[in-house]
PDB file of N, CA and C in Angstrom:
ATOM      1  N   UNK A   1       9.337  43.487  30.316  1.00  0.00           N
ATOM      2  CA  UNK A   1       9.363  44.341  29.195  1.00  0.00           C
ATOM      3  C   UNK A   1       9.100  45.819  29.317  1.00  0.00           C
ATOM      4  N   UNK A   2      10.313  46.527  28.599  1.00  0.00           N
ATOM      5  CA  UNK A   2      10.236  47.937  28.322  1.00  0.00           C
ATOM      6  C   UNK A   2       9.330  48.583  27.566  1.00  0.00           C
ATOM      7  N   UNK A   3       8.550  49.641  27.954  1.00  0.00           N
ATOM      8  CA  UNK A   3       7.612  50.545  26.984  1.00  0.00           C
ATOM      9  C   UNK A   3       7.971  50.577  25.568  1.00  0.00           C
ATOM     10  N   UNK A   4       9.307  51.091  25.566  1.00  0.00           N
ATOM     11  CA  UNK A   4       9.878  51.545  24.108  1.00  0.00           C
ATOM     12  C   UNK A   4       9.542  50.240  23.241  1.00  0.00           C
ATOM     13  N   UNK A   5       9.658  49.024  24.032  1.00  0.00           N
ATOM     14  CA  UNK A   5       9.651  47.795  23.098  1.00  0.00           C
ATOM     15  C   UNK A   5       8.314  47.238  22.543  1.00  0.00           C
ATOM     16  N   UNK A   6       7.353  48.148  23.269  1.00  0.00           N
ATOM     17  CA  UNK A   6       5.923  47.689  22.690  1.00  0.00           C
ATOM     18  C   UNK A   6       5.092  48.955  22.375  1.00  0.00           C
ATOM     19  N   UNK A   7       5.737  49.958  22.623  1.00  0.00           N
ATOM     20  CA  UNK A   7       4.836  51.421  22.150  1.00  0.00           C
ATOM     21  C   UNK A   7       4.775  51.240  20.533  1.00  0.00           C
ATOM     22  N   UNK A   8       3.646  51.667  20.176  1.00  0.00           N
ATOM     23  CA  UNK A   8       3.323  52.008  18.767  1.00  0.00           C
ATOM     24  C   UNK A   8       4.000  53.188  18.367  1.00  0.00           C
ATOM     25  N   UNK A   9       4.565  53.166  16.949  1.00  0.00           N
ATOM     26  CA  UNK A   9       4.829  54.216  16.272  1.00  0.00           C
ATOM     27  C   UNK A   9       4.302  54.564  15.126  1.00  0.00           C
ATOM     28  N   UNK A  10       4.138  55.861  14.942  1.00  0.00           N
ATOM     29  CA  UNK A  10       3.321  56.078  13.641  1.00  0.00           C
ATOM     30  C   UNK A  10       4.245  56.231  12.534  1.00  0.00           C
ATOM     31  N   UNK A  11       3.986  55.901  11.340  1.00  0.00           N
ATOM     32  CA  UNK A  11       4.778  56.002  10.283  1.00  0.00           C
ATOM     33  C   UNK A  11       3.805  56.449   9.160  1.00  0.00           C
ATOM     34  N   UNK A  12       4.376  57.572   8.314  1.00  0.00           N
ATOM     35  CA  UNK A  12       3.337  57.469   7.003  1.00  0.00           C
ATOM     36  C   UNK A  12       3.285  56.689   5.821  1.00  0.00           C
ATOM     37  N   UNK A  13       2.417  56.706   5.295  1.00  0.00           N
ATOM     38  CA  UNK A  13       2.391  55.843   4.029  1.00  0.00           C
ATOM     39  C   UNK A  13       3.541  56.154   3.117  1.00  0.00           C
ATOM     40  N   UNK A  14       3.640  57.371   2.951  1.00  0.00           N
ATOM     41  CA  UNK A  14       4.747  57.691   2.076  1.00  0.00           C
ATOM     42  C   UNK A  14       5.202  59.032   2.380  1.00  0.00           C
ATOM     43  N   UNK A  15       6.546  59.300   2.023  1.00  0.00           N
ATOM     44  CA  UNK A  15       7.537  60.573   2.449  1.00  0.00           C
ATOM     45  C   UNK A  15       6.787  61.948   1.929  1.00  0.00           C
ATOM     46  N   UNK A  16       6.420  61.642   0.591  1.00  0.00           N
ATOM     47  CA  UNK A  16       5.855  62.713  -0.167  1.00  0.00           C
ATOM     48  C   UNK A  16       4.737  63.340   0.824  1.00  0.00           C
ATOM     49  N   UNK A  17       4.023  62.880   1.595  1.00  0.00           N
ATOM     50  CA  UNK A  17       2.983  63.692   2.381  1.00  0.00           C
ATOM     51  C   UNK A  17       3.634  64.474   3.729  1.00  0.00           C
ATOM     52  N   UNK A  18       4.759  64.277   4.040  1.00  0.00           N
ATOM     53  CA  UNK A  18       5.251  65.007   4.923  1.00  0.00           C
ATOM     54  C   UNK A  18       5.978  66.560   4.545  1.00  0.00           C
ATOM     55  N   UNK A  19       4.961  67.584   4.783  1.00  0.00           N
ATOM     56  CA  UNK A  19       4.857  68.877   3.671  1.00  0.00           C
ATOM     57  C   UNK A  19       4.921  69.995   4.800  1.00  0.00           C
ATOM     58  N   UNK A  20       5.586  69.507   6.210  1.00  0.00           N
ATOM     59  CA  UNK A  20       5.905  70.550   7.076  1.00  0.00           C
ATOM     60  C   UNK A  20       6.681  71.921   6.681  1.00  0.00           C
ATOM     61  N   UNK A  21       7.002  72.472   7.820  1.00  0.00           N
ATOM     62  CA  UNK A  21       7.721  73.920   7.134  1.00  0.00           C
ATOM     63  C   UNK A  21       9.421  73.459   7.073  1.00  0.00           C
ATOM     64  N   UNK A  22       9.890  74.152   6.217  1.00  0.00           N
ATOM     65  CA  UNK A  22      11.259  74.070   5.827  1.00  0.00           C
ATOM     66  C   UNK A  22      12.222  75.208   6.452  1.00  0.00           C
ATOM     67  N   UNK A  23      11.756  76.257   7.089  1.00  0.00           N
ATOM     68  CA  UNK A  23      12.146  76.968   7.790  1.00  0.00           C
ATOM     69  C   UNK A  23      11.427  77.924   8.974  1.00  0.00           C
ATOM     70  N   UNK A  24      12.052  78.961   9.336  1.00  0.00           N
ATOM     71  CA  UNK A  24      11.604  79.475  10.537  1.00  0.00           C
ATOM     72  C   UNK A  24      11.461  78.696  11.795  1.00  0.00           C
ATOM     73  N   UNK A  25      10.835  79.301  12.548  1.00  0.00           N
ATOM     74  CA  UNK A  25      10.680  78.507  14.307  1.00  0.00           C
ATOM     75  C   UNK A  25       9.411  77.592  14.332  1.00  0.00           C
ATOM     76  N   UNK A  26       9.621  76.599  14.675  1.00  0.00           N
ATOM     77  CA  UNK A  26       8.529  75.515  14.983  1.00  0.00           C
ATOM     78  C   UNK A  26       8.096  75.527  16.525  1.00  0.00           C
ATOM     79  N   UNK A  27       7.058  75.325  16.968  1.00  0.00           N
ATOM     80  CA  UNK A  27       6.753  75.336  18.101  1.00  0.00           C
ATOM     81  C   UNK A  27       5.612  74.199  18.251  1.00  0.00           C
ATOM     82  N   UNK A  28       6.216  73.580  19.051  1.00  0.00           N
ATOM     83  CA  UNK A  28       5.417  72.117  19.092  1.00  0.00           C
ATOM     84  C   UNK A  28       4.345  72.022  20.288  1.00  0.00           C
ATOM     85  N   UNK A  29       3.041  71.528  20.133  1.00  0.00           N
ATOM     86  CA  UNK A  29       2.000  71.328  21.055  1.00  0.00           C
ATOM     87  C   UNK A  29       2.585  70.453  22.371  1.00  0.00           C
ATOM     88  N   UNK A  30       2.011  70.769  23.297  1.00  0.00           N
ATOM     89  CA  UNK A  30       2.266  70.068  24.628  1.00  0.00           C
ATOM     90  C   UNK A  30       2.329  68.323  24.519  1.00  0.00           C
ATOM     91  N   UNK A  31       1.105  67.931  23.779  1.00  0.00           N
ATOM     92  CA  UNK A  31       1.035  66.457  23.110  1.00  0.00           C
ATOM     93  C   UNK A  31       2.334  66.112  22.563  1.00  0.00           C
ATOM     94  N   UNK A  32       3.084  66.469  22.029  1.00  0.00           N
ATOM     95  CA  UNK A  32       4.148  65.956  21.386  1.00  0.00           C
ATOM     96  C   UNK A  32       5.383  66.493  22.162  1.00  0.00           C
ATOM     97  N   UNK A  33       5.580  67.726  23.067  1.00  0.00           N
ATOM     98  CA  UNK A  33       6.830  67.889  23.327  1.00  0.00           C
ATOM     99  C   UNK A  33       6.383  68.563  25.105  1.00  0.00           C
ATOM    100  N   UNK A  34       6.563  68.092  26.048  1.00  0.00           N
ATOM    101  CA  UNK A  34       6.307  68.938  27.215  1.00  0.00           C
ATOM    102  C   UNK A  34       7.520  68.924  27.999  1.00  0.00           C
ATOM    103  N   UNK A  35       8.733  69.131  27.310  1.00  0.00           N
ATOM    104  CA  UNK A  35       9.494  70.099  27.902  1.00  0.00           C
ATOM    105  C   UNK A  35       9.567  71.221  27.942  1.00  0.00           C
ATOM    106  N   UNK A  36      10.301  72.191  28.674  1.00  0.00           N
ATOM    107  CA  UNK A  36      10.349  73.667  28.624  1.00  0.00           C
ATOM    108  C   UNK A  36      10.772  74.151  27.438  1.00  0.00           C
ATOM    109  N   UNK A  37      11.692  73.356  26.297  1.00  0.00           N
ATOM    110  CA  UNK A  37      11.757  74.044  24.927  1.00  0.00           C
ATOM    111  C   UNK A  37      10.994  74.151  24.378  1.00  0.00           C
ATOM    112  N   UNK A  38      10.131  73.533  23.669  1.00  0.00           N
ATOM    113  CA  UNK A  38       8.951  73.442  22.749  1.00  0.00           C
ATOM    114  C   UNK A  38       9.315  74.074  21.315  1.00  0.00           C
ATOM    115  N   UNK A  39      10.058  75.001  21.293  1.00  0.00           N
ATOM    116  CA  UNK A  39      10.386  76.031  20.171  1.00  0.00           C
ATOM    117  C   UNK A  39      11.664  75.360  19.342  1.00  0.00           C
ATOM    118  N   UNK A  40      11.697  75.444  18.086  1.00  0.00           N
ATOM    119  CA  UNK A  40      12.732  74.904  17.506  1.00  0.00           C
ATOM    120  C   UNK A  40      12.801  75.763  15.860  1.00  0.00           C
ATOM    121  N   UNK A  41      14.264  76.298  16.199  1.00  0.00           N
ATOM    122  CA  UNK A  41      14.812  76.953  15.116  1.00  0.00           C
ATOM    123  C   UNK A  41      14.920  76.166  13.829  1.00  0.00           C
ATOM    124  N   UNK A  42      14.692  75.882  12.801  1.00  0.00           N
ATOM    125  CA  UNK A  42      14.867  74.808  11.500  1.00  0.00           C
ATOM    126  C   UNK A  42      16.256  75.455  11.079  1.00  0.00           C
ATOM    127  N   UNK A  43      16.588  76.419  11.180  1.00  0.00           N
ATOM    128  CA  UNK A  43      17.918  77.045  10.523  1.00  0.00           C
ATOM    129  C   UNK A  43      19.190  76.346  11.467  1.00  0.00           C
ATOM    130  N   UNK A  44      18.676  75.957  12.717  1.00  0.00           N
ATOM    131  CA  UNK A  44      19.870  75.551  13.496  1.00  0.00           C
ATOM    132  C   UNK A  44      19.799  73.832  13.264  1.00  0.00           C
ATOM    133  N   UNK A  45      20.839  73.190  13.157  1.00  0.00           N
ATOM    134  CA  UNK A  45      21.003  71.713  12.910  1.00  0.00           C
ATOM    135  C   UNK A  45      20.575  70.955  14.288  1.00  0.00           C
ATOM    136  N   UNK A  46      21.076  71.441  15.328  1.00  0.00           N
ATOM    137  CA  UNK A  46      20.558  70.897  16.836  1.00  0.00           C
ATOM    138  C   UNK A  46      19.209  70.751  16.914  1.00  0.00           C
ATOM    139  N   UNK A  47      18.794  72.161  16.798  1.00  0.00           N
ATOM    140  CA  UNK A  47      17.330  72.322  16.816  1.00  0.00           C
ATOM    141  C   UNK A  47      16.415  71.481  15.915  1.00  0.00           C
ATOM    142  N   UNK A  48      16.812  71.329  14.767  1.00  0.00           N
ATOM    143  CA  UNK A  48      16.243  70.518  13.832  1.00  0.00           C
ATOM    144  C   UNK A  48      16.078  69.181  14.203  1.00  0.00           C
ATOM    145  N   UNK A  49      17.203  68.552  14.315  1.00  0.00           N
ATOM    146  CA  UNK A  49      17.343  67.103  14.912  1.00  0.00           C
ATOM    147  C   UNK A  49      16.436  66.868  15.978  1.00  0.00           C
ATOM    148  N   UNK A  50      16.600  68.033  17.002  1.00  0.00           N
ATOM    149  CA  UNK A  50      15.725  67.543  18.080  1.00  0.00           C
ATOM    150  C   UNK A  50      14.329  67.588  17.883  1.00  0.00           C
ATOM    151  N   UNK A  51      13.792  68.465  17.022  1.00  0.00           N
ATOM    152  CA  UNK A  51      12.556  68.664  16.755  1.00  0.00           C
ATOM    153  C   UNK A  51      12.227  67.219  15.765  1.00  0.00           C
ATOM    154  N   UNK A  52      12.627  66.982  14.835  1.00  0.00           N
ATOM    155  CA  UNK A  52      12.565  65.576  14.122  1.00  0.00           C
ATOM    156  C   UNK A  52      12.405  64.377  15.125  1.00  0.00           C
ATOM    157  N   UNK A  53      13.519  64.235  16.016  1.00  0.00           N
ATOM    158  CA  UNK A  53      13.495  63.295  16.651  1.00  0.00           C
ATOM    159  C   UNK A  53      12.301  63.087  17.897  1.00  0.00           C
ATOM    160  N   UNK A  54      12.061  64.267  18.079  1.00  0.00           N
ATOM    161  CA  UNK A  54      10.610  64.271  19.168  1.00  0.00           C
ATOM    162  C   UNK A  54       9.445  63.906  18.288  1.00  0.00           C
ATOM    163  N   UNK A  55       9.250  64.713  17.258  1.00  0.00           N
ATOM    164  CA  UNK A  55       8.052  64.350  16.634  1.00  0.00           C
ATOM    165  C   UNK A  55       8.027  62.560  15.977  1.00  0.00           C
ATOM    166  N   UNK A  56       8.876  62.323  15.264  1.00  0.00           N
ATOM    167  CA  UNK A  56       9.110  61.082  15.044  1.00  0.00           C
ATOM    168  C   UNK A  56       8.696  59.750  16.394  1.00  0.00           C
ATOM    169  N   UNK A  57       9.391  60.077  17.309  1.00  0.00           N
ATOM    170  CA  UNK A  57       9.083  59.258  18.644  1.00  0.00           C
ATOM    171  C   UNK A  57       7.650  59.640  19.323  1.00  0.00           C
ATOM    172  N   UNK A  58       7.192  60.979  19.287  1.00  0.00           N
ATOM    173  CA  UNK A  58       6.119  61.144  19.944  1.00  0.00           C
ATOM    174  C   UNK A  58       4.621  61.063  19.145  1.00  0.00           C
ATOM    175  N   UNK A  59       4.585  61.389  18.078  1.00  0.00           N
ATOM    176  CA  UNK A  59       3.709  61.504  16.911  1.00  0.00           C
ATOM    177  C   UNK A  59       2.923  60.023  17.259  1.00  0.00           C
ATOM    178  N   UNK A  60       1.347  60.298  17.757  1.00  0.00           N
ATOM    179  CA  UNK A  60       0.443  59.294  17.751  1.00  0.00           C
ATOM    180  C   UNK A  60      -0.496  59.272  16.790  1.00  0.00           C
ATOM    181  N   UNK A  61      -0.583  60.661  16.068  1.00  0.00           N
ATOM    182  CA  UNK A  61      -1.244  60.735  14.692  1.00  0.00           C
ATOM    183  C   UNK A  61      -0.542  61.169  13.530  1.00  0.00           C
ATOM    184  N   UNK A  62      -1.099  60.589  12.422  1.00  0.00           N
ATOM    185  CA  UNK A  62      -0.275  60.714  11.240  1.00  0.00           C
ATOM    186  C   UNK A  62      -0.095  62.216  11.038  1.00  0.00           C
ATOM    187  N   UNK A  63      -1.408  63.023  11.150  1.00  0.00           N
ATOM    188  CA  UNK A  63      -1.361  64.351  11.145  1.00  0.00           C
ATOM    189  C   UNK A  63      -0.124  65.065  11.717  1.00  0.00           C
ATOM    190  N   UNK A  64       0.057  64.798  12.816  1.00  0.00           N
ATOM    191  CA  UNK A  64       1.186  65.215  13.339  1.00  0.00           C
ATOM    192  C   UNK A  64       2.460  65.272  12.459  1.00  0.00           C
ATOM    193  N   UNK A  65       2.750  64.041  12.079  1.00  0.00           N
ATOM    194  CA  UNK A  65       3.793  64.040  11.231  1.00  0.00           C
ATOM    195  C   UNK A  65       3.523  64.964   9.631  1.00  0.00           C
ATOM    196  N   UNK A  66       2.622  65.048   9.294  1.00  0.00           N
ATOM    197  CA  UNK A  66       2.264  65.615   7.940  1.00  0.00           C
ATOM    198  C   UNK A  66       2.543  67.322   8.329  1.00  0.00           C
ATOM    199  N   UNK A  67       1.962  67.611   9.762  1.00  0.00           N
ATOM    200  CA  UNK A  67       2.315  69.139  10.007  1.00  0.00           C
ATOM    201  C   UNK A  67       3.746  69.496  10.304  1.00  0.00           C
ATOM    202  N   UNK A  68       4.423  68.628  10.959  1.00  0.00           N
ATOM    203  CA  UNK A  68       5.750  69.158  11.659  1.00  0.00           C
ATOM    204  C   UNK A  68       7.065  68.630  10.831  1.00  0.00           C
ATOM    205  N   UNK A  69       7.132  67.424   9.772  1.00  0.00           N
ATOM    206  CA  UNK A  69       8.009  67.052   9.052  1.00  0.00           C
ATOM    207  C   UNK A  69       8.010  67.324   7.689  1.00  0.00           C
ATOM    208  N   UNK A  70       9.113  67.443   7.009  1.00  0.00           N
ATOM    209  CA  UNK A  70       9.271  67.820   5.659  1.00  0.00           C
ATOM    210  C   UNK A  70       9.904  66.908   5.251  1.00  0.00           C
ATOM    211  N   UNK A  71       9.558  66.223   3.957  1.00  0.00           N
ATOM    212  CA  UNK A  71      10.297  64.793   3.498  1.00  0.00           C
ATOM    213  C   UNK A  71      11.955  65.410   2.958  1.00  0.00           C
ATOM    214  N   UNK A  72      12.013  66.309   2.627  1.00  0.00           N
ATOM    215  CA  UNK A  72      13.260  66.980   2.073  1.00  0.00           C
ATOM    216  C   UNK A  72      14.432  67.007   3.482  1.00  0.00           C
ATOM    217  N   UNK A  73      13.796  67.776   4.195  1.00  0.00           N
ATOM    218  CA  UNK A  73      14.695  67.804   5.657  1.00  0.00           C
ATOM    219  C   UNK A  73      14.867  66.576   6.366  1.00  0.00           C
ATOM    220  N   UNK A  74      13.918  65.730   6.304  1.00  0.00           N
ATOM    221  CA  UNK A  74      14.001  64.565   6.998  1.00  0.00           C
ATOM    222  C   UNK A  74      15.166  63.658   6.524  1.00  0.00           C
ATOM    223  N   UNK A  75      15.177  63.566   5.162  1.00  0.00           N
ATOM    224  CA  UNK A  75      15.997  62.588   4.368  1.00  0.00           C
ATOM    225  C   UNK A  75      17.386  63.363   4.867  1.00  0.00           C
ATOM    226  N   UNK A  76      17.660  64.681   4.705  1.00  0.00           N
ATOM    227  CA  UNK A  76      18.741  65.295   4.982  1.00  0.00           C
ATOM    228  C   UNK A  76      19.518  64.971   6.426  1.00  0.00           C
ATOM    229  N   UNK A  77      18.350  64.956   7.216  1.00  0.00           N
ATOM    230  CA  UNK A  77      18.695  64.717   8.720  1.00  0.00           C
ATOM    231  C   UNK A  77      18.600  63.209   9.155  1.00  0.00           C
ATOM    232  N   UNK A  78      18.041  62.362   8.259  1.00  0.00           N
ATOM    233  CA  UNK A  78      18.088  60.915   8.793  1.00  0.00           C
ATOM    234  C   UNK A  78      19.229  60.331   9.422  1.00  0.00           C
ATOM    235  N   UNK A  79      20.616  60.395   8.711  1.00  0.00           N
ATOM    236  CA  UNK A  79      21.564  59.989   9.317  1.00  0.00           C
ATOM    237  C   UNK A  79      21.968  60.254  10.668  1.00  0.00           C
ATOM    238  N   UNK A  80      21.327  61.342  10.930  1.00  0.00           N
ATOM    239  CA  UNK A  80      22.217  62.203  12.137  1.00  0.00           C
ATOM    240  C   UNK A  80      21.274  61.886  13.343  1.00  0.00           C
ATOM    241  N   UNK A  81      20.089  61.535  13.053  1.00  0.00           N
ATOM    242  CA  UNK A  81      19.041  61.312  14.207  1.00  0.00           C
ATOM    243  C   UNK A  81      19.623  60.322  15.027  1.00  0.00           C
ATOM    244  N   UNK A  82      18.842  60.710  16.344  1.00  0.00           N
ATOM    245  CA  UNK A  82      18.973  59.635  17.416  1.00  0.00           C
ATOM    246  C   UNK A  82      17.646  59.254  17.742  1.00  0.00           C
ATOM    247  N   UNK A  83      17.309  57.871  17.140  1.00  0.00           N
ATOM    248  CA  UNK A  83      15.965  57.276  17.480  1.00  0.00           C
ATOM    249  C   UNK A  83      16.396  55.888  18.011  1.00  0.00           C
ATOM    250  N   UNK A  84      15.119  55.683  18.699  1.00  0.00           N
ATOM    251  CA  UNK A  84      15.050  54.146  19.388  1.00  0.00           C
ATOM    252  C   UNK A  84      15.105  52.885  18.011  1.00  0.00           C
ATOM    253  N   UNK A  85      15.751  52.079  18.372  1.00  0.00           N
ATOM    254  CA  UNK A  85      15.802  51.110  17.297  1.00  0.00           C
ATOM    255  C   UNK A  85      14.716  50.618  16.699  1.00  0.00           C
ATOM    256  N   UNK A  86      13.279  50.368  17.465  1.00  0.00           N
ATOM    257  CA  UNK A  86      12.271  50.116  16.643  1.00  0.00           C
ATOM    258  C   UNK A  86      11.707  51.075  15.793  1.00  0.00           C
ATOM    259  N   UNK A  87      11.824  52.413  16.161  1.00  0.00           N
ATOM    260  CA  UNK A  87      11.186  53.282  15.255  1.00  0.00           C
ATOM    261  C   UNK A  87      12.159  53.700  14.198  1.00  0.00           C
ATOM    262  N   UNK A  88      13.144  53.509  14.301  1.00  0.00           N
ATOM    263  CA  UNK A  88      14.251  53.569  13.185  1.00  0.00           C
ATOM    264  C   UNK A  88      13.977  52.442  11.995  1.00  0.00           C
ATOM    265  N   UNK A  89      13.786  51.389  12.619  1.00  0.00           N
ATOM    266  CA  UNK A  89      13.357  50.067  11.956  1.00  0.00           C
ATOM    267  C   UNK A  89      12.245  50.272  11.313  1.00  0.00           C
ATOM    268  N   UNK A  90      11.183  50.658  11.805  1.00  0.00           N
ATOM    269  CA  UNK A  90      10.090  50.814  11.265  1.00  0.00           C
ATOM    270  C   UNK A  90       9.907  51.863   9.886  1.00  0.00           C
ATOM    271  N   UNK A  91      10.639  53.056   9.890  1.00  0.00           N
ATOM    272  CA  UNK A  91      10.721  54.055   8.917  1.00  0.00           C
ATOM    273  C   UNK A  91      11.674  53.241   8.153  1.00  0.00           C
ATOM    274  N   UNK A  92      12.604  52.706   8.218  1.00  0.00           N
ATOM    275  CA  UNK A  92      13.581  52.272   7.222  1.00  0.00           C
ATOM    276  C   UNK A  92      12.905  51.170   6.492  1.00  0.00           C
ATOM    277  N   UNK A  93      12.138  50.221   7.251  1.00  0.00           N
ATOM    278  CA  UNK A  93      11.700  49.201   6.387  1.00  0.00           C
ATOM    279  C   UNK A  93      10.578  49.685   5.488  1.00  0.00           C
ATOM    280  N   UNK A  94       9.899  50.822   5.846  1.00  0.00           N
ATOM    281  CA  UNK A  94       8.887  51.312   4.847  1.00  0.00           C
ATOM    282  C   UNK A  94       9.574  52.278   3.936  1.00  0.00           C
ATOM    283  N   UNK A  95      10.651  52.940   4.100  1.00  0.00           N
ATOM    284  CA  UNK A  95      11.266  53.638   3.145  1.00  0.00           C
ATOM    285  C   UNK A  95      12.761  53.293   3.134  1.00  0.00           C
ATOM    286  N   UNK A  96      13.364  52.162   2.404  1.00  0.00           N
ATOM    287  CA  UNK A  96      14.447  51.971   2.095  1.00  0.00           C
ATOM    288  C   UNK A  96      15.541  52.934   1.810  1.00  0.00           C
ATOM    289  N   UNK A  97      15.201  53.992   1.179  1.00  0.00           N
ATOM    290  CA  UNK A  97      16.062  55.324   0.949  1.00  0.00           C
ATOM    291  C   UNK A  97      16.721  55.796   2.176  1.00  0.00           C
ATOM    292  N   UNK A  98      16.183  55.567   3.182  1.00  0.00           N
ATOM    293  CA  UNK A  98      16.471  56.198   4.448  1.00  0.00           C
ATOM    294  C   UNK A  98      17.581  55.159   5.094  1.00  0.00           C
ATOM    295  N   UNK A  99      17.143  54.076   4.948  1.00  0.00           N
ATOM    296  CA  UNK A  99      18.315  53.119   5.271  1.00  0.00           C
ATOM    297  C   UNK A  99      19.550  53.402   4.674  1.00  0.00           C
ATOM    298  N   UNK A 100      19.412  53.576   3.340  1.00  0.00           N
ATOM    299  CA  UNK A 100      20.759  53.645   2.518  1.00  0.00           C
ATOM    300  C   UNK A 100      21.630  54.794   2.968  1.00  0.00           C
ATOM    301  N   UNK A 101      20.675  55.932   3.067  1.00  0.00           N
ATOM    302  CA  UNK A 101      21.320  57.304   3.508  1.00  0.00           C
ATOM    303  C   UNK A 101      22.428  57.296   4.917  1.00  0.00           C
ATOM    304  N   UNK A 102      21.287  56.268   5.747  1.00  0.00           N
ATOM    305  CA  UNK A 102      22.069  56.280   7.012  1.00  0.00           C
ATOM    306  C   UNK A 102      23.469  55.119   6.986  1.00  0.00           C
ATOM    307  N   UNK A 103      23.539  54.394   6.115  1.00  0.00           N
ATOM    308  CA  UNK A 103      24.708  53.331   6.024  1.00  0.00           C
ATOM    309  C   UNK A 103      25.914  54.171   5.804  1.00  0.00           C
TER     310      UNK A 103
END
Protein backbone atom coordinates (compact mmCIF):
# COMPACT_ATOMS: atom_id res chain seq x y z
CA UNK A 1 0.00 0.00 0.00
CA UNK A 2 1.30 3.44 -0.94
CA UNK A 3 1.62 6.17 1.66
CA UNK A 4 -0.70 8.42 -0.36
CA UNK A 5 -3.45 5.82 0.05
CA UNK A 6 -3.36 5.91 3.87
CA UNK A 7 -2.04 9.40 4.61
CA UNK A 8 -4.45 11.53 6.63
CA UNK A 9 -5.51 14.82 5.03
CA UNK A 10 -6.80 17.85 6.89
CA UNK A 11 -10.06 19.35 5.63
CA UNK A 12 -11.71 22.41 7.21
CA UNK A 13 -15.24 22.30 8.58
CA UNK A 14 -16.24 25.26 6.38
CA UNK A 15 -14.66 27.17 3.52
CA UNK A 16 -15.50 30.42 5.32
CA UNK A 17 -12.75 29.74 7.86
CA UNK A 18 -10.12 29.93 5.11
CA UNK A 19 -9.17 33.57 5.54
CA UNK A 20 -5.62 33.54 4.24
CA UNK A 21 -4.02 36.24 2.11
CA UNK A 22 -5.45 37.34 -1.23
CA UNK A 23 -2.35 39.13 -2.50
CA UNK A 24 1.35 39.59 -2.03
CA UNK A 25 4.06 37.01 -1.49
CA UNK A 26 3.47 34.12 0.89
CA UNK A 27 6.39 32.29 2.50
CA UNK A 28 5.60 28.80 3.73
CA UNK A 29 7.26 27.32 6.80
CA UNK A 30 9.54 24.33 6.35
CA UNK A 31 6.92 22.09 7.97
CA UNK A 32 4.76 22.62 4.87
CA UNK A 33 7.34 23.18 2.15
CA UNK A 34 10.85 21.84 2.39
CA UNK A 35 11.73 22.72 -1.21
CA UNK A 36 14.04 25.63 -2.04
CA UNK A 37 11.07 27.62 -3.44
CA UNK A 38 9.13 28.37 -0.21
CA UNK A 39 7.84 31.79 -1.38
CA UNK A 40 4.87 32.23 -3.69
CA UNK A 41 3.54 35.34 -5.42
CA UNK A 42 -0.25 35.19 -5.32
CA UNK A 43 -0.45 37.44 -8.40
CA UNK A 44 1.21 34.65 -10.42
CA UNK A 45 -1.27 31.87 -11.29
CA UNK A 46 1.40 29.14 -11.30
CA UNK A 47 2.70 30.24 -7.90
CA UNK A 48 -0.83 30.43 -6.49
CA UNK A 49 -1.65 26.91 -7.68
CA UNK A 50 1.65 25.53 -6.36
CA UNK A 51 1.04 27.16 -2.97
CA UNK A 52 -2.52 25.81 -2.71
CA UNK A 53 -1.52 22.32 -3.85
CA UNK A 54 1.32 22.24 -1.32
CA UNK A 55 -0.74 23.49 1.61
CA UNK A 56 -3.69 21.20 0.85
CA UNK A 57 -1.43 18.15 0.53
CA UNK A 58 0.89 18.86 3.45
CA UNK A 59 -1.18 20.62 6.14
CA UNK A 60 -1.50 18.49 9.25
CA UNK A 61 -3.19 21.22 11.30
CA UNK A 62 -6.36 23.12 10.49
CA UNK A 63 -4.59 26.35 11.42
CA UNK A 64 -2.26 25.92 8.43
CA UNK A 65 -5.27 25.84 6.11
CA UNK A 66 -6.79 28.89 7.79
CA UNK A 67 -3.52 30.83 7.63
CA UNK A 68 -2.45 30.15 4.05
CA UNK A 69 -5.65 29.47 2.07
CA UNK A 70 -8.36 31.91 1.09
CA UNK A 71 -11.85 30.57 0.31
CA UNK A 72 -12.41 32.76 -2.76
CA UNK A 73 -9.01 32.03 -4.27
CA UNK A 74 -9.43 28.33 -3.53
CA UNK A 75 -12.79 28.20 -5.33
CA UNK A 76 -11.33 30.01 -8.34
CA UNK A 77 -8.24 27.80 -8.53
CA UNK A 78 -9.85 24.47 -7.59
CA UNK A 79 -10.52 23.19 -11.15
CA UNK A 80 -6.86 23.77 -12.05
CA UNK A 81 -5.26 22.22 -8.96
CA UNK A 82 -3.36 18.95 -9.30
CA UNK A 83 -4.16 16.96 -6.18
CA UNK A 84 -4.08 13.29 -5.19
CA UNK A 85 -7.48 11.68 -5.77
CA UNK A 86 -8.01 10.97 -2.06
CA UNK A 87 -7.46 14.57 -1.00
CA UNK A 88 -9.56 15.93 -3.86
CA UNK A 89 -12.32 13.49 -2.92
CA UNK A 90 -12.17 14.46 0.76
CA UNK A 91 -12.53 18.15 -0.05
CA UNK A 92 -15.20 17.67 -2.73
CA UNK A 93 -17.30 15.38 -0.54
CA UNK A 94 -17.33 18.05 2.19
CA UNK A 95 -17.75 20.93 -0.29
CA UNK A 96 -19.89 19.85 -3.28
CA UNK A 97 -19.55 23.29 -4.86
CA UNK A 98 -15.86 22.55 -5.44
CA UNK A 99 -16.81 19.33 -7.24
CA UNK A 100 -19.27 21.26 -9.41
CA UNK A 101 -16.61 23.84 -10.27
CA UNK A 102 -14.20 21.09 -11.28
CA UNK A 103 -16.74 19.31 -13.53
